[in-house]
């Protein structure tokens, strides 16, 4: 289930996504999901399956965008040569609500 369509009150606490997801019965479950455990920095770009993107990131933000209310994580990531690059990733690409828990798939 698309987590952003089955939850509310999403925000970031540094690199941790915090909010509420509905379980299969519609009951809200509070979640805390450390994005550093599933996102890395690959030469200035977000990389699914990597780790610790926030160690080389500035201005990390979360916004819900467009008519489909897409959850977009944005940051300025440092590349291997030290340049700072604007980067974004759609969190709904790989994060799902599994019965009120946010899981990386």
PDB file of N, CA and C in Angstrom:
ATOM      1  N   UNK A   1       0.850  -1.173   0.000  1.00  0.00           N
ATOM      2  CA  UNK A   1       0.000   0.000   0.000  1.00  0.00           C
ATOM      3  C   UNK A   1       0.897   1.238   0.000  1.00  0.00           C
ATOM      4  N   UNK A   2       0.556   2.226  -0.813  1.00  0.00           N
ATOM      5  CA  UNK A   2       1.329   3.463  -0.869  1.00  0.00           C
ATOM      6  C   UNK A   2       1.275   4.173   0.475  1.00  0.00           C
ATOM      7  N   UNK A   3       2.430   4.319   1.090  1.00  0.00           N
ATOM      8  CA  UNK A   3       2.443   4.846   2.450  1.00  0.00           C
ATOM      9  C   UNK A   3       1.912   6.268   2.517  1.00  0.00           C
ATOM     10  N   UNK A   4       2.230   7.082   1.532  1.00  0.00           N
ATOM     11  CA  UNK A   4       1.842   8.489   1.593  1.00  0.00           C
ATOM     12  C   UNK A   4       0.341   8.694   1.417  1.00  0.00           C
ATOM     13  N   UNK A   5      -0.358   7.700   0.888  1.00  0.00           N
ATOM     14  CA  UNK A   5      -1.810   7.793   0.715  1.00  0.00           C
ATOM     15  C   UNK A   5      -2.557   7.144   1.873  1.00  0.00           C
ATOM     16  N   UNK A   6      -1.837   6.447   2.731  1.00  0.00           N
ATOM     17  CA  UNK A   6      -2.477   5.740   3.842  1.00  0.00           C
ATOM     18  C   UNK A   6      -1.946   6.218   5.189  1.00  0.00           C
ATOM     19  N   UNK A   7      -1.507   7.461   5.219  1.00  0.00           N
ATOM     20  CA  UNK A   7      -0.979   7.994   6.459  1.00  0.00           C
ATOM     21  C   UNK A   7      -1.101   9.503   6.500  1.00  0.00           C
ATOM     22  N   UNK A   8      -0.506  10.100   7.521  1.00  0.00           N
ATOM     23  CA  UNK A   8      -0.603  11.551   7.674  1.00  0.00           C
ATOM     24  C   UNK A   8       0.510  12.073   8.576  1.00  0.00           C
ATOM     25  N   UNK A   9       0.589  13.400   8.625  1.00  0.00           N
ATOM     26  CA  UNK A   9       1.499  14.108   9.524  1.00  0.00           C
ATOM     27  C   UNK A   9       2.967  13.731   9.334  1.00  0.00           C
ATOM     28  N   UNK A  10       3.385  13.542   8.077  1.00  0.00           N
ATOM     29  CA  UNK A  10       4.768  13.177   7.810  1.00  0.00           C
ATOM     30  C   UNK A  10       5.674  14.388   7.961  1.00  0.00           C
ATOM     31  N   UNK A  11       6.829  14.152   8.580  1.00  0.00           N
ATOM     32  CA  UNK A  11       7.835  15.192   8.748  1.00  0.00           C
ATOM     33  C   UNK A  11       9.183  14.511   8.918  1.00  0.00           C
ATOM     34  N   UNK A  12      10.232  15.307   8.833  1.00  0.00           N
ATOM     35  CA  UNK A  12      11.581  14.793   9.041  1.00  0.00           C
ATOM     36  C   UNK A  12      12.125  15.258  10.371  1.00  0.00           C
ATOM     37  N   UNK A  13      12.817  14.383  11.029  1.00  0.00           N
ATOM     38  CA  UNK A  13      13.653  14.722  12.172  1.00  0.00           C
ATOM     39  C   UNK A  13      15.048  14.270  11.766  1.00  0.00           C
ATOM     40  N   UNK A  14      15.815  15.202  11.248  1.00  0.00           N
ATOM     41  CA  UNK A  14      17.099  14.975  10.584  1.00  0.00           C
ATOM     42  C   UNK A  14      16.870  13.993   9.437  1.00  0.00           C
ATOM     43  N   UNK A  15      17.302  12.740   9.533  1.00  0.00           N
ATOM     44  CA  UNK A  15      17.115  11.778   8.452  1.00  0.00           C
ATOM     45  C   UNK A  15      16.059  10.730   8.795  1.00  0.00           C
ATOM     46  N   UNK A  16      15.256  10.997   9.805  1.00  0.00           N
ATOM     47  CA  UNK A  16      14.212  10.059  10.212  1.00  0.00           C
ATOM     48  C   UNK A  16      12.849  10.580   9.788  1.00  0.00           C
ATOM     49  N   UNK A  17      12.122   9.735   9.056  1.00  0.00           N
ATOM     50  CA  UNK A  17      10.760  10.053   8.646  1.00  0.00           C
ATOM     51  C   UNK A  17       9.826   9.681   9.791  1.00  0.00           C
ATOM     52  N   UNK A  18       9.038  10.647  10.220  1.00  0.00           N
ATOM     53  CA  UNK A  18       8.121  10.463  11.340  1.00  0.00           C
ATOM     54  C   UNK A  18       6.713  10.755  10.836  1.00  0.00           C
ATOM     55  N   UNK A  19       5.739  10.015  11.306  1.00  0.00           N
ATOM     56  CA  UNK A  19       4.362  10.255  10.921  1.00  0.00           C
ATOM     57  C   UNK A  19       3.450   9.180  11.460  1.00  0.00           C
ATOM     58  N   UNK A  20       2.325   9.031  10.785  1.00  0.00           N
ATOM     59  CA  UNK A  20       1.314   8.068  11.198  1.00  0.00           C
ATOM     60  C   UNK A  20       0.853   7.291   9.967  1.00  0.00           C
ATOM     61  N   UNK A  21       0.784   5.966  10.094  1.00  0.00           N
ATOM     62  CA  UNK A  21       0.292   5.104   9.022  1.00  0.00           C
ATOM     63  C   UNK A  21      -0.897   4.306   9.524  1.00  0.00           C
ATOM     64  N   UNK A  22      -1.878   4.125   8.668  1.00  0.00           N
ATOM     65  CA  UNK A  22      -3.032   3.309   9.028  1.00  0.00           C
ATOM     66  C   UNK A  22      -2.703   1.836   8.829  1.00  0.00           C
ATOM     67  N   UNK A  23      -3.101   1.005   9.796  1.00  0.00           N
ATOM     68  CA  UNK A  23      -2.945  -0.432   9.625  1.00  0.00           C
ATOM     69  C   UNK A  23      -4.117  -0.955   8.799  1.00  0.00           C
ATOM     70  N   UNK A  24      -4.192  -2.276   8.620  1.00  0.00           N
ATOM     71  CA  UNK A  24      -5.230  -2.874   7.775  1.00  0.00           C
ATOM     72  C   UNK A  24      -6.641  -2.616   8.283  1.00  0.00           C
ATOM     73  N   UNK A  25      -6.792  -2.320   9.580  1.00  0.00           N
ATOM     74  CA  UNK A  25      -8.099  -2.037  10.158  1.00  0.00           C
ATOM     75  C   UNK A  25      -8.408  -0.546  10.195  1.00  0.00           C
ATOM     76  N   UNK A  26      -7.484   0.263   9.671  1.00  0.00           N
ATOM     77  CA  UNK A  26      -7.686   1.704   9.634  1.00  0.00           C
ATOM     78  C   UNK A  26      -7.232   2.447  10.875  1.00  0.00           C
ATOM     79  N   UNK A  27      -6.578   1.743  11.783  1.00  0.00           N
ATOM     80  CA  UNK A  27      -6.086   2.365  13.011  1.00  0.00           C
ATOM     81  C   UNK A  27      -4.726   3.024  12.752  1.00  0.00           C
ATOM     82  N   UNK A  28      -4.549   4.270  13.184  1.00  0.00           N
ATOM     83  CA  UNK A  28      -3.270   4.935  12.970  1.00  0.00           C
ATOM     84  C   UNK A  28      -2.173   4.363  13.870  1.00  0.00           C
ATOM     85  N   UNK A  29      -0.997   4.174  13.262  1.00  0.00           N
ATOM     86  CA  UNK A  29       0.180   3.678  13.976  1.00  0.00           C
ATOM     87  C   UNK A  29       1.302   4.701  13.793  1.00  0.00           C
ATOM     88  N   UNK A  30       1.881   5.142  14.888  1.00  0.00           N
ATOM     89  CA  UNK A  30       2.995   6.084  14.808  1.00  0.00           C
ATOM     90  C   UNK A  30       4.218   5.365  14.250  1.00  0.00           C
ATOM     91  N   UNK A  31       4.931   6.038  13.348  1.00  0.00           N
ATOM     92  CA  UNK A  31       6.120   5.436  12.764  1.00  0.00           C
ATOM     93  C   UNK A  31       7.319   6.370  12.890  1.00  0.00           C
ATOM     94  N   UNK A  32       8.486   5.768  12.967  1.00  0.00           N
ATOM     95  CA  UNK A  32       9.782   6.456  12.908  1.00  0.00           C
ATOM     96  C   UNK A  32      10.655   5.570  12.032  1.00  0.00           C
ATOM     97  N   UNK A  33      11.092   6.097  10.903  1.00  0.00           N
ATOM     98  CA  UNK A  33      11.848   5.299   9.945  1.00  0.00           C
ATOM     99  C   UNK A  33      13.115   6.052   9.572  1.00  0.00           C
ATOM    100  N   UNK A  34      14.274   5.469   9.908  1.00  0.00           N
ATOM    101  CA  UNK A  34      15.561   6.095   9.634  1.00  0.00           C
ATOM    102  C   UNK A  34      15.919   5.904   8.162  1.00  0.00           C
ATOM    103  N   UNK A  35      15.828   6.971   7.386  1.00  0.00           N
ATOM    104  CA  UNK A  35      16.124   6.903   5.957  1.00  0.00           C
ATOM    105  C   UNK A  35      17.598   6.608   5.683  1.00  0.00           C
ATOM    106  N   UNK A  36      18.475   6.892   6.642  1.00  0.00           N
ATOM    107  CA  UNK A  36      19.898   6.573   6.483  1.00  0.00           C
ATOM    108  C   UNK A  36      20.141   5.068   6.366  1.00  0.00           C
ATOM    109  N   UNK A  37      19.178   4.253   6.759  1.00  0.00           N
ATOM    110  CA  UNK A  37      19.337   2.802   6.673  1.00  0.00           C
ATOM    111  C   UNK A  37      19.046   2.256   5.280  1.00  0.00           C
ATOM    112  N   UNK A  38      18.425   3.076   4.399  1.00  0.00           N
ATOM    113  CA  UNK A  38      18.049   2.588   3.065  1.00  0.00           C
ATOM    114  C   UNK A  38      18.469   3.515   1.932  1.00  0.00           C
ATOM    115  N   UNK A  39      18.986   4.705   2.256  1.00  0.00           N
ATOM    116  CA  UNK A  39      19.406   5.657   1.227  1.00  0.00           C
ATOM    117  C   UNK A  39      20.865   6.054   1.428  1.00  0.00           C
ATOM    118  N   UNK A  40      21.599   6.006   0.336  1.00  0.00           N
ATOM    119  CA  UNK A  40      22.982   6.444   0.356  1.00  0.00           C
ATOM    120  C   UNK A  40      23.182   7.617  -0.586  1.00  0.00           C
ATOM    121  N   UNK A  41      24.400   8.084  -0.651  1.00  0.00           N
ATOM    122  CA  UNK A  41      24.810   9.149  -1.560  1.00  0.00           C
ATOM    123  C   UNK A  41      25.785   8.537  -2.553  1.00  0.00           C
ATOM    124  N   UNK A  42      25.377   8.464  -3.817  1.00  0.00           N
ATOM    125  CA  UNK A  42      26.223   7.932  -4.878  1.00  0.00           C
ATOM    126  C   UNK A  42      26.681   9.091  -5.753  1.00  0.00           C
ATOM    127  N   UNK A  43      27.794   9.691  -5.397  1.00  0.00           N
ATOM    128  CA  UNK A  43      28.402  10.790  -6.146  1.00  0.00           C
ATOM    129  C   UNK A  43      27.439  11.954  -6.377  1.00  0.00           C
ATOM    130  N   UNK A  44      26.712  12.328  -5.316  1.00  0.00           N
ATOM    131  CA  UNK A  44      25.824  13.479  -5.399  1.00  0.00           C
ATOM    132  C   UNK A  44      24.394  13.140  -5.787  1.00  0.00           C
ATOM    133  N   UNK A  45      24.078  11.849  -5.820  1.00  0.00           N
ATOM    134  CA  UNK A  45      22.714  11.406  -6.133  1.00  0.00           C
ATOM    135  C   UNK A  45      22.246  10.417  -5.067  1.00  0.00           C
ATOM    136  N   UNK A  46      20.952  10.437  -4.761  1.00  0.00           N
ATOM    137  CA  UNK A  46      20.407   9.457  -3.827  1.00  0.00           C
ATOM    138  C   UNK A  46      20.533   8.064  -4.429  1.00  0.00           C
ATOM    139  N   UNK A  47      20.816   7.095  -3.577  1.00  0.00           N
ATOM    140  CA  UNK A  47      20.979   5.718  -4.012  1.00  0.00           C
ATOM    141  C   UNK A  47      20.204   4.788  -3.077  1.00  0.00           C
ATOM    142  N   UNK A  48      19.131   4.172  -3.611  1.00  0.00           N
ATOM    143  CA  UNK A  48      18.381   3.194  -2.831  1.00  0.00           C
ATOM    144  C   UNK A  48      19.278   2.008  -2.518  1.00  0.00           C
ATOM    145  N   UNK A  49      19.174   1.490  -1.319  1.00  0.00           N
ATOM    146  CA  UNK A  49      19.974   0.352  -0.898  1.00  0.00           C
ATOM    147  C   UNK A  49      21.314   0.762  -0.314  1.00  0.00           C
ATOM    148  N   UNK A  50      21.636   2.039  -0.408  1.00  0.00           N
ATOM    149  CA  UNK A  50      22.848   2.548   0.225  1.00  0.00           C
ATOM    150  C   UNK A  50      22.545   2.915   1.671  1.00  0.00           C
ATOM    151  N   UNK A  51      23.509   3.534   2.316  1.00  0.00           N
ATOM    152  CA  UNK A  51      23.325   3.943   3.705  1.00  0.00           C
ATOM    153  C   UNK A  51      23.960   5.303   3.955  1.00  0.00           C
ATOM    154  N   UNK A  52      23.482   5.954   4.989  1.00  0.00           N
ATOM    155  CA  UNK A  52      24.095   7.156   5.558  1.00  0.00           C
ATOM    156  C   UNK A  52      24.202   8.355   4.616  1.00  0.00           C
ATOM    157  N   UNK A  53      23.179   8.573   3.789  1.00  0.00           N
ATOM    158  CA  UNK A  53      23.204   9.735   2.898  1.00  0.00           C
ATOM    159  C   UNK A  53      23.384  11.031   3.676  1.00  0.00           C
ATOM    160  N   UNK A  54      22.819  11.106   4.891  1.00  0.00           N
ATOM    161  CA  UNK A  54      22.810  12.370   5.626  1.00  0.00           C
ATOM    162  C   UNK A  54      24.209  12.808   6.075  1.00  0.00           C
ATOM    163  N   UNK A  55      25.169  11.884   6.088  1.00  0.00           N
ATOM    164  CA  UNK A  55      26.523  12.247   6.490  1.00  0.00           C
ATOM    165  C   UNK A  55      27.186  13.199   5.494  1.00  0.00           C
ATOM    166  N   UNK A  56      26.692  13.215   4.254  1.00  0.00           N
ATOM    167  CA  UNK A  56      27.238  14.099   3.218  1.00  0.00           C
ATOM    168  C   UNK A  56      26.114  14.912   2.580  1.00  0.00           C
ATOM    169  N   UNK A  57      25.188  15.387   3.430  1.00  0.00           N
ATOM    170  CA  UNK A  57      24.023  16.123   2.933  1.00  0.00           C
ATOM    171  C   UNK A  57      23.826  17.420   3.705  1.00  0.00           C
ATOM    172  N   UNK A  58      23.242  18.385   3.021  1.00  0.00           N
ATOM    173  CA  UNK A  58      22.828  19.650   3.615  1.00  0.00           C
ATOM    174  C   UNK A  58      21.383  19.914   3.204  1.00  0.00           C
ATOM    175  N   UNK A  59      20.696  20.716   3.997  1.00  0.00           N
ATOM    176  CA  UNK A  59      19.346  21.195   3.660  1.00  0.00           C
ATOM    177  C   UNK A  59      18.398  20.054   3.286  1.00  0.00           C
ATOM    178  N   UNK A  60      18.301  19.059   4.144  1.00  0.00           N
ATOM    179  CA  UNK A  60      17.420  17.918   3.906  1.00  0.00           C
ATOM    180  C   UNK A  60      15.981  18.341   4.193  1.00  0.00           C
ATOM    181  N   UNK A  61      15.104  18.140   3.208  1.00  0.00           N
ATOM    182  CA  UNK A  61      13.702  18.512   3.368  1.00  0.00           C
ATOM    183  C   UNK A  61      12.790  17.419   2.814  1.00  0.00           C
ATOM    184  N   UNK A  62      11.570  17.424   3.290  1.00  0.00           N
ATOM    185  CA  UNK A  62      10.521  16.546   2.785  1.00  0.00           C
ATOM    186  C   UNK A  62       9.369  17.419   2.348  1.00  0.00           C
ATOM    187  N   UNK A  63       8.842  17.144   1.158  1.00  0.00           N
ATOM    188  CA  UNK A  63       7.656  17.867   0.710  1.00  0.00           C
ATOM    189  C   UNK A  63       6.711  16.886   0.019  1.00  0.00           C
ATOM    190  N   UNK A  64       5.436  17.171   0.135  1.00  0.00           N
ATOM    191  CA  UNK A  64       4.410  16.395  -0.548  1.00  0.00           C
ATOM    192  C   UNK A  64       4.012  17.216  -1.767  1.00  0.00           C
ATOM    193  N   UNK A  65       4.215  16.655  -2.976  1.00  0.00           N
ATOM    194  CA  UNK A  65       4.130  17.448  -4.189  1.00  0.00           C
ATOM    195  C   UNK A  65       3.133  16.903  -5.199  1.00  0.00           C
ATOM    196  N   UNK A  66       2.532  17.831  -5.946  1.00  0.00           N
ATOM    197  CA  UNK A  66       1.682  17.492  -7.073  1.00  0.00           C
ATOM    198  C   UNK A  66       0.320  16.960  -6.691  1.00  0.00           C
ATOM    199  N   UNK A  67      -0.488  16.714  -7.708  1.00  0.00           N
ATOM    200  CA  UNK A  67      -1.834  16.212  -7.517  1.00  0.00           C
ATOM    201  C   UNK A  67      -1.875  14.823  -6.912  1.00  0.00           C
ATOM    202  N   UNK A  68      -0.811  14.039  -7.128  1.00  0.00           N
ATOM    203  CA  UNK A  68      -0.744  12.691  -6.568  1.00  0.00           C
ATOM    204  C   UNK A  68      -0.143  12.694  -5.169  1.00  0.00           C
ATOM    205  N   UNK A  69       0.170  13.875  -4.648  1.00  0.00           N
ATOM    206  CA  UNK A  69       0.739  14.018  -3.298  1.00  0.00           C
ATOM    207  C   UNK A  69       1.955  13.121  -3.107  1.00  0.00           C
ATOM    208  N   UNK A  70       2.932  13.275  -3.993  1.00  0.00           N
ATOM    209  CA  UNK A  70       4.137  12.446  -3.974  1.00  0.00           C
ATOM    210  C   UNK A  70       5.088  12.931  -2.867  1.00  0.00           C
ATOM    211  N   UNK A  71       5.588  12.011  -2.021  1.00  0.00           N
ATOM    212  CA  UNK A  71       6.529  12.389  -0.964  1.00  0.00           C
ATOM    213  C   UNK A  71       7.948  12.474  -1.533  1.00  0.00           C
ATOM    214  N   UNK A  72       8.478  13.690  -1.616  1.00  0.00           N
ATOM    215  CA  UNK A  72       9.792  13.906  -2.220  1.00  0.00           C
ATOM    216  C   UNK A  72      10.787  14.357  -1.160  1.00  0.00           C
ATOM    217  N   UNK A  73      11.877  13.606  -1.067  1.00  0.00           N
ATOM    218  CA  UNK A  73      12.989  13.971  -0.195  1.00  0.00           C
ATOM    219  C   UNK A  73      13.987  14.751  -1.046  1.00  0.00           C
ATOM    220  N   UNK A  74      14.378  15.928  -0.571  1.00  0.00           N
ATOM    221  CA  UNK A  74      15.349  16.761  -1.279  1.00  0.00           C
ATOM    222  C   UNK A  74      16.511  17.053  -0.345  1.00  0.00           C
ATOM    223  N   UNK A  75      17.677  17.196  -0.949  1.00  0.00           N
ATOM    224  CA  UNK A  75      18.872  17.556  -0.191  1.00  0.00           C
ATOM    225  C   UNK A  75      19.931  18.056  -1.164  1.00  0.00           C
ATOM    226  N   UNK A  76      20.932  18.667  -0.602  1.00  0.00           N
ATOM    227  CA  UNK A  76      22.131  18.995  -1.368  1.00  0.00           C
ATOM    228  C   UNK A  76      23.177  17.981  -0.916  1.00  0.00           C
ATOM    229  N   UNK A  77      23.594  17.124  -1.863  1.00  0.00           N
ATOM    230  CA  UNK A  77      24.509  16.030  -1.557  1.00  0.00           C
ATOM    231  C   UNK A  77      25.900  16.324  -2.104  1.00  0.00           C
ATOM    232  N   UNK A  78      26.907  15.950  -1.351  1.00  0.00           N
ATOM    233  CA  UNK A  78      28.284  16.164  -1.778  1.00  0.00           C
ATOM    234  C   UNK A  78      28.729  15.031  -2.700  1.00  0.00           C
ATOM    235  N   UNK A  79      29.322  15.406  -3.834  1.00  0.00           N
ATOM    236  CA  UNK A  79      29.832  14.405  -4.769  1.00  0.00           C
ATOM    237  C   UNK A  79      31.228  13.967  -4.347  1.00  0.00           C
ATOM    238  N   UNK A  80      31.772  12.972  -5.039  1.00  0.00           N
ATOM    239  CA  UNK A  80      33.094  12.444  -4.716  1.00  0.00           C
ATOM    240  C   UNK A  80      34.194  13.496  -4.851  1.00  0.00           C
ATOM    241  N   UNK A  81      34.003  14.457  -5.766  1.00  0.00           N
ATOM    242  CA  UNK A  81      35.018  15.503  -5.951  1.00  0.00           C
ATOM    243  C   UNK A  81      34.767  16.734  -5.089  1.00  0.00           C
ATOM    244  N   UNK A  82      33.814  16.629  -4.157  1.00  0.00           N
ATOM    245  CA  UNK A  82      33.566  17.710  -3.210  1.00  0.00           C
ATOM    246  C   UNK A  82      32.544  18.739  -3.642  1.00  0.00           C
ATOM    247  N   UNK A  83      31.998  18.608  -4.847  1.00  0.00           N
ATOM    248  CA  UNK A  83      30.954  19.525  -5.318  1.00  0.00           C
ATOM    249  C   UNK A  83      29.647  19.210  -4.590  1.00  0.00           C
ATOM    250  N   UNK A  84      28.802  20.231  -4.460  1.00  0.00           N
ATOM    251  CA  UNK A  84      27.492  20.061  -3.842  1.00  0.00           C
ATOM    252  C   UNK A  84      26.439  20.034  -4.933  1.00  0.00           C
ATOM    253  N   UNK A  85      25.580  19.007  -4.924  1.00  0.00           N
ATOM    254  CA  UNK A  85      24.609  18.771  -5.993  1.00  0.00           C
ATOM    255  C   UNK A  85      23.200  18.698  -5.409  1.00  0.00           C
ATOM    256  N   UNK A  86      22.260  19.378  -6.063  1.00  0.00           N
ATOM    257  CA  UNK A  86      20.859  19.246  -5.667  1.00  0.00           C
ATOM    258  C   UNK A  86      20.374  17.864  -6.077  1.00  0.00           C
ATOM    259  N   UNK A  87      19.682  17.196  -5.166  1.00  0.00           N
ATOM    260  CA  UNK A  87      19.199  15.845  -5.432  1.00  0.00           C
ATOM    261  C   UNK A  87      17.810  15.674  -4.844  1.00  0.00           C
ATOM    262  N   UNK A  88      17.030  14.786  -5.450  1.00  0.00           N
ATOM    263  CA  UNK A  88      15.718  14.456  -4.905  1.00  0.00           C
ATOM    264  C   UNK A  88      15.395  13.003  -5.212  1.00  0.00           C
ATOM    265  N   UNK A  89      14.489  12.462  -4.414  1.00  0.00           N
ATOM    266  CA  UNK A  89      14.052  11.089  -4.605  1.00  0.00           C
ATOM    267  C   UNK A  89      12.601  10.976  -4.137  1.00  0.00           C
ATOM    268  N   UNK A  90      11.810  10.230  -4.906  1.00  0.00           N
ATOM    269  CA  UNK A  90      10.423   9.939  -4.567  1.00  0.00           C
ATOM    270  C   UNK A  90      10.433   8.781  -3.565  1.00  0.00           C
ATOM    271  N   UNK A  91      10.088   9.052  -2.314  1.00  0.00           N
ATOM    272  CA  UNK A  91      10.133   8.016  -1.282  1.00  0.00           C
ATOM    273  C   UNK A  91       9.132   6.898  -1.533  1.00  0.00           C
ATOM    274  N   UNK A  92       8.062   7.168  -2.280  1.00  0.00           N
ATOM    275  CA  UNK A  92       7.063   6.143  -2.554  1.00  0.00           C
ATOM    276  C   UNK A  92       7.565   5.089  -3.537  1.00  0.00           C
ATOM    277  N   UNK A  93       8.711   5.338  -4.174  1.00  0.00           N
ATOM    278  CA  UNK A  93       9.285   4.344  -5.084  1.00  0.00           C
ATOM    279  C   UNK A  93       9.605   3.041  -4.373  1.00  0.00           C
ATOM    280  N   UNK A  94      10.092   3.125  -3.132  1.00  0.00           N
ATOM    281  CA  UNK A  94      10.585   1.928  -2.454  1.00  0.00           C
ATOM    282  C   UNK A  94      10.093   1.758  -1.019  1.00  0.00           C
ATOM    283  N   UNK A  95       9.282   2.696  -0.521  1.00  0.00           N
ATOM    284  CA  UNK A  95       8.760   2.571   0.838  1.00  0.00           C
ATOM    285  C   UNK A  95       7.268   2.292   0.776  1.00  0.00           C
ATOM    286  N   UNK A  96       6.821   1.312   1.525  1.00  0.00           N
ATOM    287  CA  UNK A  96       5.415   0.920   1.523  1.00  0.00           C
ATOM    288  C   UNK A  96       4.891   0.762   2.942  1.00  0.00           C
ATOM    289  N   UNK A  97       3.589   0.961   3.061  1.00  0.00           N
ATOM    290  CA  UNK A  97       2.887   0.707   4.313  1.00  0.00           C
ATOM    291  C   UNK A  97       2.479  -0.764   4.323  1.00  0.00           C
ATOM    292  N   UNK A  98       3.070  -1.508   5.236  1.00  0.00           N
ATOM    293  CA  UNK A  98       2.711  -2.922   5.429  1.00  0.00           C
ATOM    294  C   UNK A  98       2.048  -3.016   6.799  1.00  0.00           C
ATOM    295  N   UNK A  99       0.721  -2.971   6.801  1.00  0.00           N
ATOM    296  CA  UNK A  99      -0.084  -3.076   8.020  1.00  0.00           C
ATOM    297  C   UNK A  99       0.343  -2.090   9.111  1.00  0.00           C
ATOM    298  N   UNK A 100       0.527  -0.842   8.713  1.00  0.00           N
ATOM    299  CA  UNK A 100       0.843   0.203   9.691  1.00  0.00           C
ATOM    300  C   UNK A 100       2.316   0.380   9.980  1.00  0.00           C
ATOM    301  N   UNK A 101       3.169  -0.364   9.276  1.00  0.00           N
ATOM    302  CA  UNK A 101       4.620  -0.243   9.432  1.00  0.00           C
ATOM    303  C   UNK A 101       5.231   0.183   8.103  1.00  0.00           C
ATOM    304  N   UNK A 102       6.180   1.099   8.132  1.00  0.00           N
ATOM    305  CA  UNK A 102       6.859   1.535   6.921  1.00  0.00           C
ATOM    306  C   UNK A 102       7.993   0.565   6.635  1.00  0.00           C
ATOM    307  N   UNK A 103       8.000   0.020   5.400  1.00  0.00           N
ATOM    308  CA  UNK A 103       9.016  -0.963   5.038  1.00  0.00           C
ATOM    309  C   UNK A 103       9.640  -0.634   3.697  1.00  0.00           C
ATOM    310  N   UNK A 104      10.933  -0.920   3.581  1.00  0.00           N
ATOM    311  CA  UNK A 104      11.703  -0.764   2.362  1.00  0.00           C
ATOM    312  C   UNK A 104      11.504  -2.012   1.516  1.00  0.00           C
ATOM    313  N   UNK A 105      11.076  -1.819   0.266  1.00  0.00           N
ATOM    314  CA  UNK A 105      10.853  -2.972  -0.639  1.00  0.00           C
ATOM    315  C   UNK A 105      11.663  -2.822  -1.903  1.00  0.00           C
TER     316      UNK A 105
END
